[in-house]
Amino acid sequence: VRATMTAEIVKRLKRRADPTRIWFGIHAMDWGWDPDDASRAFAHARGDAPSAAFVDLVRDVSERVRAEVPGARFAMPAYHWGFAPPDGMLVPDHVRVYPMTIQVDYSAALNDARNARLRDGLVRWNEIAQHVTVWDHVVNFGGYLQPTPNLYPIGRSIAWLATLQHVDGYFAEG
């Protein structure tokens, strides 16, 4: 799988005039995953974080691609099962992580105690990755035309995110 991914990414990047100008996205179907025994053991050894297997894949594939396309950069989501950052692993500086907000109280800022799980995860991604872009779901998915009274929490969230050294981007899906 990793060799196939590498070959396809190399092919796609070599079509670009300057492949170093983009962050090539490597995505997982993050809404459900039943890991095999080896992946489960790998995650268990890294804080019981299933994201460990995905981080490992992205690190490996990105290094293989960079051997053929020097300077290539990559982006990977951290969402659902892949949100909790792994212990004992670093994300290379040529990989951007974009944690996505989920299961939060949108009436409070992301760093509020009511959003402790998300807050702590964002802090950990900031510690292990050099490039973090937070993808914040600020929309009312139950009714797009209905307002979501979260303007002030969004402002407080952005102000807090600006204090995290490696958070260098914010995307509000709204």
N, C-alpha and C. Protein backbone atom coordinates (compact mmCIF):
# COMPACT_ATOMS: atom_id res chain seq x y z
N VAL A 1 0.83 -1.19 0.00
CA VAL A 1 0.00 0.00 0.00
C VAL A 1 0.87 1.25 0.00
N ARG A 2 1.89 1.24 0.83
CA ARG A 2 2.74 2.42 0.93
C ARG A 2 3.50 2.67 -0.38
N ALA A 3 3.97 1.60 -1.01
CA ALA A 3 4.67 1.74 -2.29
C ALA A 3 3.71 2.26 -3.37
N THR A 4 2.48 1.76 -3.38
CA THR A 4 1.48 2.21 -4.35
C THR A 4 1.14 3.68 -4.12
N MET A 5 0.94 4.06 -2.87
CA MET A 5 0.67 5.47 -2.55
C MET A 5 1.82 6.35 -3.01
N THR A 6 3.04 5.92 -2.69
CA THR A 6 4.21 6.69 -3.07
C THR A 6 4.27 6.92 -4.57
N ALA A 7 4.10 5.85 -5.34
CA ALA A 7 4.17 5.95 -6.80
C ALA A 7 3.11 6.91 -7.34
N GLU A 8 1.90 6.82 -6.82
CA GLU A 8 0.82 7.69 -7.30
C GLU A 8 1.07 9.15 -6.93
N ILE A 9 1.53 9.40 -5.72
CA ILE A 9 1.80 10.78 -5.29
C ILE A 9 2.95 11.36 -6.11
N VAL A 10 4.00 10.59 -6.31
CA VAL A 10 5.13 11.06 -7.12
C VAL A 10 4.64 11.44 -8.52
N LYS A 11 3.82 10.58 -9.10
CA LYS A 11 3.27 10.85 -10.44
C LYS A 11 2.49 12.16 -10.45
N ARG A 12 1.65 12.35 -9.46
CA ARG A 12 0.84 13.57 -9.41
C ARG A 12 1.68 14.81 -9.17
N LEU A 13 2.66 14.71 -8.28
CA LEU A 13 3.49 15.88 -7.98
C LEU A 13 4.37 16.25 -9.16
N LYS A 14 4.87 15.26 -9.90
CA LYS A 14 5.74 15.56 -11.03
C LYS A 14 4.99 16.23 -12.18
N ARG A 15 3.68 16.20 -12.17
CA ARG A 15 2.88 16.92 -13.17
C ARG A 15 2.85 18.42 -12.90
N ARG A 16 3.20 18.81 -11.72
CA ARG A 16 3.13 20.22 -11.32
C ARG A 16 4.42 20.93 -11.69
N ALA A 17 4.31 22.20 -12.05
CA ALA A 17 5.49 22.99 -12.38
C ALA A 17 6.42 23.11 -11.16
N ASP A 18 5.84 23.35 -10.00
CA ASP A 18 6.63 23.46 -8.77
C ASP A 18 5.88 22.74 -7.65
N PRO A 19 6.16 21.45 -7.47
CA PRO A 19 5.42 20.68 -6.47
C PRO A 19 5.71 21.09 -5.03
N THR A 20 6.71 21.91 -4.81
CA THR A 20 7.03 22.33 -3.44
C THR A 20 6.15 23.47 -2.96
N ARG A 21 5.31 24.00 -3.85
CA ARG A 21 4.45 25.12 -3.47
C ARG A 21 3.13 24.68 -2.84
N ILE A 22 2.86 23.39 -2.82
CA ILE A 22 1.60 22.91 -2.27
C ILE A 22 1.86 21.99 -1.08
N TRP A 23 0.82 21.78 -0.30
CA TRP A 23 0.83 20.75 0.75
C TRP A 23 -0.07 19.64 0.21
N PHE A 24 0.50 18.53 -0.17
CA PHE A 24 -0.25 17.42 -0.75
C PHE A 24 -0.98 16.68 0.37
N GLY A 25 -2.29 16.57 0.25
CA GLY A 25 -3.10 15.96 1.30
C GLY A 25 -3.12 14.44 1.24
N ILE A 26 -2.84 13.82 2.35
CA ILE A 26 -3.01 12.37 2.51
C ILE A 26 -4.13 12.19 3.51
N HIS A 27 -5.23 11.61 3.06
CA HIS A 27 -6.44 11.54 3.89
C HIS A 27 -6.75 10.10 4.30
N ALA A 28 -7.43 9.99 5.41
CA ALA A 28 -7.94 8.71 5.88
C ALA A 28 -9.46 8.79 5.92
N MET A 29 -10.11 7.67 5.76
CA MET A 29 -11.56 7.63 5.96
C MET A 29 -11.75 7.60 7.48
N ASP A 30 -11.88 8.77 8.05
CA ASP A 30 -11.74 8.93 9.49
C ASP A 30 -13.04 8.77 10.27
N TRP A 31 -14.11 8.36 9.64
CA TRP A 31 -15.35 8.24 10.41
C TRP A 31 -15.52 6.84 10.99
N GLY A 32 -14.64 5.95 10.71
CA GLY A 32 -14.70 4.62 11.30
C GLY A 32 -13.54 3.78 10.85
N TRP A 33 -12.95 3.06 11.78
CA TRP A 33 -11.83 2.20 11.43
C TRP A 33 -11.76 1.10 12.47
N ASP A 34 -11.68 -0.11 12.01
CA ASP A 34 -11.50 -1.26 12.89
C ASP A 34 -10.08 -1.76 12.64
N PRO A 35 -9.12 -1.31 13.44
CA PRO A 35 -7.72 -1.64 13.16
C PRO A 35 -7.43 -3.13 13.32
N ASP A 36 -6.48 -3.60 12.50
CA ASP A 36 -6.01 -4.97 12.64
C ASP A 36 -5.16 -5.07 13.92
N ASP A 37 -4.80 -6.27 14.30
CA ASP A 37 -4.07 -6.48 15.56
C ASP A 37 -2.75 -5.73 15.60
N ALA A 38 -2.02 -5.72 14.50
CA ALA A 38 -0.72 -5.03 14.48
C ALA A 38 -0.90 -3.52 14.66
N SER A 39 -1.89 -2.95 13.99
CA SER A 39 -2.15 -1.51 14.12
C SER A 39 -2.63 -1.18 15.53
N ARG A 40 -3.46 -2.04 16.08
CA ARG A 40 -3.95 -1.84 17.45
C ARG A 40 -2.78 -1.86 18.44
N ALA A 41 -1.86 -2.81 18.28
CA ALA A 41 -0.69 -2.90 19.17
C ALA A 41 0.21 -1.68 18.99
N PHE A 42 0.38 -1.23 17.74
CA PHE A 42 1.19 -0.05 17.46
C PHE A 42 0.59 1.17 18.17
N ALA A 43 -0.73 1.33 18.08
CA ALA A 43 -1.41 2.44 18.74
C ALA A 43 -1.31 2.31 20.26
N HIS A 44 -1.49 1.11 20.77
CA HIS A 44 -1.43 0.89 22.22
C HIS A 44 -0.07 1.33 22.79
N ALA A 45 0.99 1.03 22.05
CA ALA A 45 2.34 1.39 22.50
C ALA A 45 2.60 2.89 22.42
N ARG A 46 1.68 3.63 21.82
CA ARG A 46 1.83 5.07 21.65
C ARG A 46 0.65 5.82 22.24
N GLY A 47 0.30 5.43 23.45
CA GLY A 47 -0.74 6.14 24.19
C GLY A 47 -2.15 5.76 23.82
N ASP A 48 -2.33 4.58 23.23
CA ASP A 48 -3.65 4.12 22.78
C ASP A 48 -4.26 5.09 21.76
N ALA A 49 -3.41 5.73 20.98
CA ALA A 49 -3.88 6.69 19.97
C ALA A 49 -3.87 6.03 18.59
N PRO A 50 -5.05 5.73 18.03
CA PRO A 50 -5.09 5.16 16.69
C PRO A 50 -4.40 6.03 15.64
N SER A 51 -4.30 7.33 15.92
CA SER A 51 -3.62 8.23 14.97
C SER A 51 -2.16 7.82 14.76
N ALA A 52 -1.59 7.07 15.69
CA ALA A 52 -0.18 6.66 15.56
C ALA A 52 0.07 5.92 14.26
N ALA A 53 -0.84 5.03 13.89
CA ALA A 53 -0.67 4.27 12.65
C ALA A 53 -0.74 5.19 11.43
N PHE A 54 -1.61 6.17 11.48
CA PHE A 54 -1.74 7.11 10.36
C PHE A 54 -0.52 8.02 10.28
N VAL A 55 -0.06 8.52 11.43
CA VAL A 55 1.16 9.35 11.45
C VAL A 55 2.33 8.55 10.89
N ASP A 56 2.43 7.28 11.29
CA ASP A 56 3.51 6.43 10.79
C ASP A 56 3.44 6.28 9.27
N LEU A 57 2.25 6.04 8.75
CA LEU A 57 2.07 5.91 7.30
C LEU A 57 2.47 7.20 6.59
N VAL A 58 1.99 8.33 7.09
CA VAL A 58 2.28 9.62 6.44
C VAL A 58 3.78 9.91 6.50
N ARG A 59 4.40 9.66 7.64
CA ARG A 59 5.85 9.88 7.75
C ARG A 59 6.60 9.03 6.73
N ASP A 60 6.26 7.75 6.65
CA ASP A 60 6.95 6.83 5.75
C ASP A 60 6.73 7.20 4.28
N VAL A 61 5.48 7.39 3.90
CA VAL A 61 5.18 7.72 2.50
C VAL A 61 5.80 9.06 2.13
N SER A 62 5.74 10.04 3.03
CA SER A 62 6.30 11.35 2.70
C SER A 62 7.81 11.27 2.49
N GLU A 63 8.50 10.48 3.28
CA GLU A 63 9.95 10.32 3.10
C GLU A 63 10.25 9.63 1.78
N ARG A 64 9.47 8.62 1.43
CA ARG A 64 9.67 7.93 0.15
C ARG A 64 9.45 8.89 -1.02
N VAL A 65 8.40 9.69 -0.94
CA VAL A 65 8.12 10.65 -2.00
C VAL A 65 9.23 11.68 -2.09
N ARG A 66 9.68 12.19 -0.96
CA ARG A 66 10.71 13.23 -0.95
C ARG A 66 12.03 12.73 -1.53
N ALA A 67 12.25 11.43 -1.52
CA ALA A 67 13.45 10.88 -2.15
C ALA A 67 13.41 11.09 -3.66
N GLU A 68 12.19 11.18 -4.21
CA GLU A 68 12.02 11.38 -5.66
C GLU A 68 11.59 12.81 -6.01
N VAL A 69 10.95 13.48 -5.07
CA VAL A 69 10.49 14.85 -5.28
C VAL A 69 10.98 15.67 -4.08
N PRO A 70 12.25 16.10 -4.11
CA PRO A 70 12.79 16.86 -2.97
C PRO A 70 11.95 18.09 -2.68
N GLY A 71 11.74 18.34 -1.41
CA GLY A 71 10.99 19.52 -1.00
C GLY A 71 9.48 19.33 -0.96
N ALA A 72 9.00 18.14 -1.32
CA ALA A 72 7.55 17.90 -1.28
C ALA A 72 7.05 18.06 0.16
N ARG A 73 5.85 18.59 0.28
CA ARG A 73 5.23 18.80 1.59
C ARG A 73 3.87 18.12 1.61
N PHE A 74 3.41 17.78 2.81
CA PHE A 74 2.21 16.98 2.95
C PHE A 74 1.31 17.54 4.05
N ALA A 75 0.05 17.20 3.97
CA ALA A 75 -0.92 17.59 4.99
C ALA A 75 -1.75 16.38 5.37
N MET A 76 -2.06 16.28 6.64
CA MET A 76 -2.87 15.15 7.12
C MET A 76 -3.89 15.63 8.14
N PRO A 77 -5.11 15.11 8.06
CA PRO A 77 -6.12 15.49 9.04
C PRO A 77 -5.95 14.74 10.36
N ALA A 78 -6.53 15.29 11.39
CA ALA A 78 -6.64 14.62 12.69
C ALA A 78 -8.10 14.80 13.11
N TYR A 79 -8.87 13.74 12.98
CA TYR A 79 -10.32 13.86 13.13
C TYR A 79 -10.87 12.53 13.61
N HIS A 80 -12.01 12.50 14.21
CA HIS A 80 -12.66 11.29 14.74
C HIS A 80 -11.62 10.38 15.41
N TRP A 81 -11.44 9.14 14.93
CA TRP A 81 -10.51 8.20 15.57
C TRP A 81 -9.07 8.69 15.48
N GLY A 82 -8.76 9.57 14.54
CA GLY A 82 -7.39 10.05 14.37
C GLY A 82 -7.10 11.35 15.08
N PHE A 83 -8.00 11.80 15.96
CA PHE A 83 -7.78 13.11 16.59
C PHE A 83 -6.73 13.06 17.69
N ALA A 84 -6.79 12.08 18.57
CA ALA A 84 -5.86 12.06 19.71
C ALA A 84 -4.44 11.87 19.21
N PRO A 85 -3.53 12.79 19.54
CA PRO A 85 -2.16 12.68 19.08
C PRO A 85 -1.44 11.50 19.75
N PRO A 86 -0.52 10.86 19.02
CA PRO A 86 0.20 9.73 19.59
C PRO A 86 1.30 10.18 20.55
N ASP A 87 1.63 9.33 21.48
CA ASP A 87 2.75 9.58 22.38
C ASP A 87 4.04 9.07 21.73
N GLY A 88 5.14 9.77 21.97
CA GLY A 88 6.44 9.30 21.53
C GLY A 88 6.70 9.40 20.04
N MET A 89 5.92 10.18 19.34
CA MET A 89 6.12 10.35 17.89
C MET A 89 6.16 11.84 17.58
N LEU A 90 6.98 12.20 16.62
CA LEU A 90 7.01 13.57 16.12
C LEU A 90 6.56 13.57 14.67
N VAL A 91 5.92 14.64 14.28
CA VAL A 91 5.49 14.83 12.90
C VAL A 91 6.61 15.62 12.22
N PRO A 92 7.12 15.13 11.09
CA PRO A 92 8.21 15.85 10.40
C PRO A 92 7.78 17.26 10.00
N ASP A 93 8.76 18.15 9.86
CA ASP A 93 8.41 19.55 9.55
C ASP A 93 7.88 19.72 8.13
N HIS A 94 7.93 18.69 7.31
CA HIS A 94 7.35 18.78 5.97
C HIS A 94 5.92 18.22 5.93
N VAL A 95 5.35 17.99 7.11
CA VAL A 95 3.97 17.51 7.21
C VAL A 95 3.16 18.49 8.07
N ARG A 96 2.07 18.97 7.50
CA ARG A 96 1.13 19.84 8.22
C ARG A 96 0.00 18.97 8.76
N VAL A 97 -0.34 19.17 10.01
CA VAL A 97 -1.47 18.47 10.62
C VAL A 97 -2.61 19.46 10.73
N TYR A 98 -3.80 19.01 10.35
CA TYR A 98 -4.95 19.89 10.56
C TYR A 98 -6.00 19.17 11.40
N PRO A 99 -5.89 19.38 12.73
CA PRO A 99 -6.92 18.84 13.62
C PRO A 99 -8.25 19.52 13.34
N MET A 100 -9.30 18.72 13.39
CA MET A 100 -10.63 19.23 13.11
C MET A 100 -11.48 19.13 14.37
N THR A 101 -12.22 20.19 14.65
CA THR A 101 -13.03 20.22 15.86
C THR A 101 -14.23 19.29 15.71
N ILE A 102 -14.46 18.53 16.76
CA ILE A 102 -15.59 17.61 16.79
C ILE A 102 -15.94 17.36 18.25
N GLN A 103 -17.20 17.08 18.48
CA GLN A 103 -17.69 16.78 19.82
C GLN A 103 -17.26 17.85 20.82
N VAL A 104 -17.57 19.09 20.46
CA VAL A 104 -17.24 20.20 21.34
C VAL A 104 -18.49 20.99 21.65
N ASP A 105 -18.40 21.81 22.66
CA ASP A 105 -19.47 22.74 23.01
C ASP A 105 -19.15 24.04 22.28
N TYR A 106 -19.86 24.30 21.20
CA TYR A 106 -19.56 25.48 20.39
C TYR A 106 -20.00 26.79 21.03
N SER A 107 -20.66 26.70 22.18
CA SER A 107 -21.00 27.94 22.87
C SER A 107 -19.84 28.41 23.73
N ALA A 108 -18.76 27.64 23.75
CA ALA A 108 -17.57 27.98 24.53
C ALA A 108 -16.35 27.97 23.62
N ALA A 109 -15.33 28.71 24.01
CA ALA A 109 -14.09 28.73 23.25
C ALA A 109 -13.46 27.33 23.26
N LEU A 110 -12.62 27.05 22.27
CA LEU A 110 -12.00 25.74 22.16
C LEU A 110 -11.13 25.40 23.37
N ASN A 111 -10.60 26.39 24.04
CA ASN A 111 -9.75 26.14 25.22
C ASN A 111 -10.52 26.18 26.53
N ASP A 112 -11.82 26.30 26.46
CA ASP A 112 -12.65 26.30 27.67
C ASP A 112 -12.65 24.91 28.31
N ALA A 113 -12.86 24.86 29.61
CA ALA A 113 -12.89 23.58 30.33
C ALA A 113 -13.93 22.62 29.75
N ARG A 114 -15.02 23.15 29.20
CA ARG A 114 -16.04 22.29 28.60
C ARG A 114 -15.54 21.57 27.35
N ASN A 115 -14.45 22.06 26.80
CA ASN A 115 -13.85 21.46 25.61
C ASN A 115 -12.46 20.91 25.91
N ALA A 116 -12.30 20.37 27.12
CA ALA A 116 -10.98 19.94 27.58
C ALA A 116 -10.34 18.89 26.67
N ARG A 117 -11.11 17.93 26.20
CA ARG A 117 -10.54 16.88 25.34
C ARG A 117 -9.97 17.48 24.06
N LEU A 118 -10.74 18.35 23.43
CA LEU A 118 -10.28 19.00 22.22
C LEU A 118 -9.09 19.92 22.52
N ARG A 119 -9.21 20.74 23.55
CA ARG A 119 -8.14 21.66 23.93
C ARG A 119 -6.83 20.91 24.14
N ASP A 120 -6.90 19.84 24.93
CA ASP A 120 -5.69 19.08 25.24
C ASP A 120 -5.10 18.43 24.00
N GLY A 121 -5.96 17.97 23.10
CA GLY A 121 -5.48 17.41 21.84
C GLY A 121 -4.79 18.44 20.98
N LEU A 122 -5.35 19.64 20.90
CA LEU A 122 -4.72 20.70 20.11
C LEU A 122 -3.37 21.09 20.70
N VAL A 123 -3.29 21.14 22.01
CA VAL A 123 -2.01 21.45 22.66
C VAL A 123 -0.98 20.38 22.33
N ARG A 124 -1.37 19.11 22.37
CA ARG A 124 -0.43 18.02 22.05
C ARG A 124 -0.01 18.04 20.59
N TRP A 125 -0.93 18.27 19.66
CA TRP A 125 -0.52 18.37 18.25
C TRP A 125 0.47 19.51 18.09
N ASN A 126 0.26 20.62 18.78
CA ASN A 126 1.17 21.76 18.73
C ASN A 126 2.56 21.36 19.24
N GLU A 127 2.62 20.42 20.17
CA GLU A 127 3.90 19.99 20.73
C GLU A 127 4.66 19.04 19.82
N ILE A 128 3.95 18.26 18.99
CA ILE A 128 4.64 17.24 18.19
C ILE A 128 4.73 17.57 16.70
N ALA A 129 4.07 18.65 16.27
CA ALA A 129 4.09 19.04 14.86
C ALA A 129 4.54 20.49 14.73
N GLN A 130 5.29 20.77 13.69
CA GLN A 130 5.78 22.13 13.46
C GLN A 130 4.76 23.01 12.73
N HIS A 131 3.82 22.37 12.04
CA HIS A 131 2.81 23.11 11.26
C HIS A 131 1.43 22.54 11.58
N VAL A 132 0.62 23.37 12.23
CA VAL A 132 -0.73 22.95 12.62
C VAL A 132 -1.72 24.00 12.12
N THR A 133 -2.71 23.53 11.39
CA THR A 133 -3.81 24.39 10.97
C THR A 133 -5.08 23.82 11.59
N VAL A 134 -5.77 24.59 12.37
CA VAL A 134 -7.00 24.12 13.01
C VAL A 134 -8.17 24.32 12.06
N TRP A 135 -8.91 23.24 11.83
CA TRP A 135 -10.12 23.26 10.99
C TRP A 135 -11.30 23.27 11.95
N ASP A 136 -11.92 24.40 12.10
CA ASP A 136 -12.99 24.58 13.08
C ASP A 136 -14.35 24.52 12.39
N HIS A 137 -15.20 23.64 12.88
CA HIS A 137 -16.56 23.54 12.35
C HIS A 137 -17.43 24.55 13.09
N VAL A 138 -17.62 25.70 12.50
CA VAL A 138 -18.38 26.75 13.18
C VAL A 138 -19.80 26.87 12.61
N VAL A 139 -20.16 25.97 11.73
CA VAL A 139 -21.45 26.01 11.06
C VAL A 139 -22.48 25.20 11.85
N ASN A 140 -23.73 25.54 11.67
CA ASN A 140 -24.83 24.78 12.23
C ASN A 140 -25.20 23.71 11.21
N PHE A 141 -24.65 22.51 11.34
CA PHE A 141 -24.89 21.46 10.36
C PHE A 141 -26.36 21.02 10.33
N GLY A 142 -27.07 21.27 11.43
CA GLY A 142 -28.48 20.90 11.48
C GLY A 142 -29.38 21.86 10.72
N GLY A 143 -28.87 23.02 10.39
CA GLY A 143 -29.65 24.02 9.66
C GLY A 143 -28.74 25.14 9.20
N TYR A 144 -28.24 25.02 7.98
CA TYR A 144 -27.24 25.96 7.48
C TYR A 144 -27.71 27.42 7.51
N LEU A 145 -29.00 27.63 7.37
CA LEU A 145 -29.50 29.00 7.35
C LEU A 145 -29.79 29.53 8.75
N GLN A 146 -29.75 28.65 9.73
CA GLN A 146 -29.97 29.07 11.11
C GLN A 146 -28.65 29.56 11.69
N PRO A 147 -28.69 30.67 12.38
CA PRO A 147 -27.44 31.18 12.96
C PRO A 147 -26.97 30.29 14.11
N THR A 148 -25.69 30.25 14.27
CA THR A 148 -25.09 29.58 15.42
C THR A 148 -24.49 30.68 16.28
N PRO A 149 -24.99 30.87 17.48
CA PRO A 149 -24.53 32.00 18.30
C PRO A 149 -23.14 31.72 18.90
N ASN A 150 -22.13 31.70 18.03
CA ASN A 150 -20.79 31.37 18.51
C ASN A 150 -19.73 32.39 18.10
N LEU A 151 -20.15 33.59 17.72
CA LEU A 151 -19.20 34.59 17.26
C LEU A 151 -18.16 34.92 18.34
N TYR A 152 -18.59 35.11 19.57
CA TYR A 152 -17.63 35.46 20.63
C TYR A 152 -16.72 34.28 20.99
N PRO A 153 -17.25 33.07 21.12
CA PRO A 153 -16.35 31.94 21.36
C PRO A 153 -15.33 31.74 20.23
N ILE A 154 -15.73 32.00 18.99
CA ILE A 154 -14.78 31.87 17.88
C ILE A 154 -13.63 32.86 18.07
N GLY A 155 -13.95 34.08 18.40
CA GLY A 155 -12.91 35.10 18.64
C GLY A 155 -11.98 34.69 19.77
N ARG A 156 -12.55 34.17 20.87
CA ARG A 156 -11.71 33.73 22.00
C ARG A 156 -10.86 32.53 21.58
N SER A 157 -11.43 31.66 20.77
CA SER A 157 -10.67 30.49 20.30
C SER A 157 -9.48 30.91 19.46
N ILE A 158 -9.71 31.83 18.53
CA ILE A 158 -8.62 32.30 17.66
C ILE A 158 -7.53 32.98 18.48
N ALA A 159 -7.93 33.79 19.45
CA ALA A 159 -6.94 34.45 20.31
C ALA A 159 -6.10 33.42 21.06
N TRP A 160 -6.74 32.37 21.56
CA TRP A 160 -5.99 31.32 22.27
C TRP A 160 -5.09 30.55 21.30
N LEU A 161 -5.61 30.18 20.13
CA LEU A 161 -4.81 29.44 19.16
C LEU A 161 -3.56 30.22 18.76
N ALA A 162 -3.66 31.54 18.72
CA ALA A 162 -2.52 32.38 18.37
C ALA A 162 -1.39 32.29 19.39
N THR A 163 -1.69 31.79 20.58
CA THR A 163 -0.64 31.63 21.60
C THR A 163 0.12 30.32 21.45
N LEU A 164 -0.38 29.41 20.64
CA LEU A 164 0.28 28.12 20.43
C LEU A 164 1.31 28.27 19.31
N GLN A 165 2.56 28.02 19.61
CA GLN A 165 3.68 28.33 18.73
C GLN A 165 3.56 27.75 17.33
N HIS A 166 3.07 26.53 17.18
CA HIS A 166 3.08 25.89 15.88
C HIS A 166 1.73 25.92 15.16
N VAL A 167 0.75 26.56 15.77
CA VAL A 167 -0.53 26.76 15.07
C VAL A 167 -0.32 27.96 14.15
N ASP A 168 -0.22 27.69 12.86
CA ASP A 168 0.05 28.76 11.91
C ASP A 168 -1.08 28.93 10.90
N GLY A 169 -2.23 28.38 11.22
CA GLY A 169 -3.38 28.56 10.36
C GLY A 169 -4.68 28.21 11.06
N TYR A 170 -5.74 28.82 10.59
CA TYR A 170 -7.08 28.58 11.14
C TYR A 170 -8.06 28.63 9.97
N PHE A 171 -8.88 27.60 9.87
CA PHE A 171 -9.92 27.53 8.84
C PHE A 171 -11.24 27.32 9.55
N ALA A 172 -12.17 28.23 9.33
CA ALA A 172 -13.50 28.12 9.92
C ALA A 172 -14.46 27.64 8.84
N GLU A 173 -14.97 26.43 9.00
CA GLU A 173 -15.95 25.90 8.06
C GLU A 173 -17.31 26.40 8.49
N GLY A 174 -17.77 27.42 7.81
CA GLY A 174 -19.03 28.01 8.21
C GLY A 174 -19.73 28.64 7.04
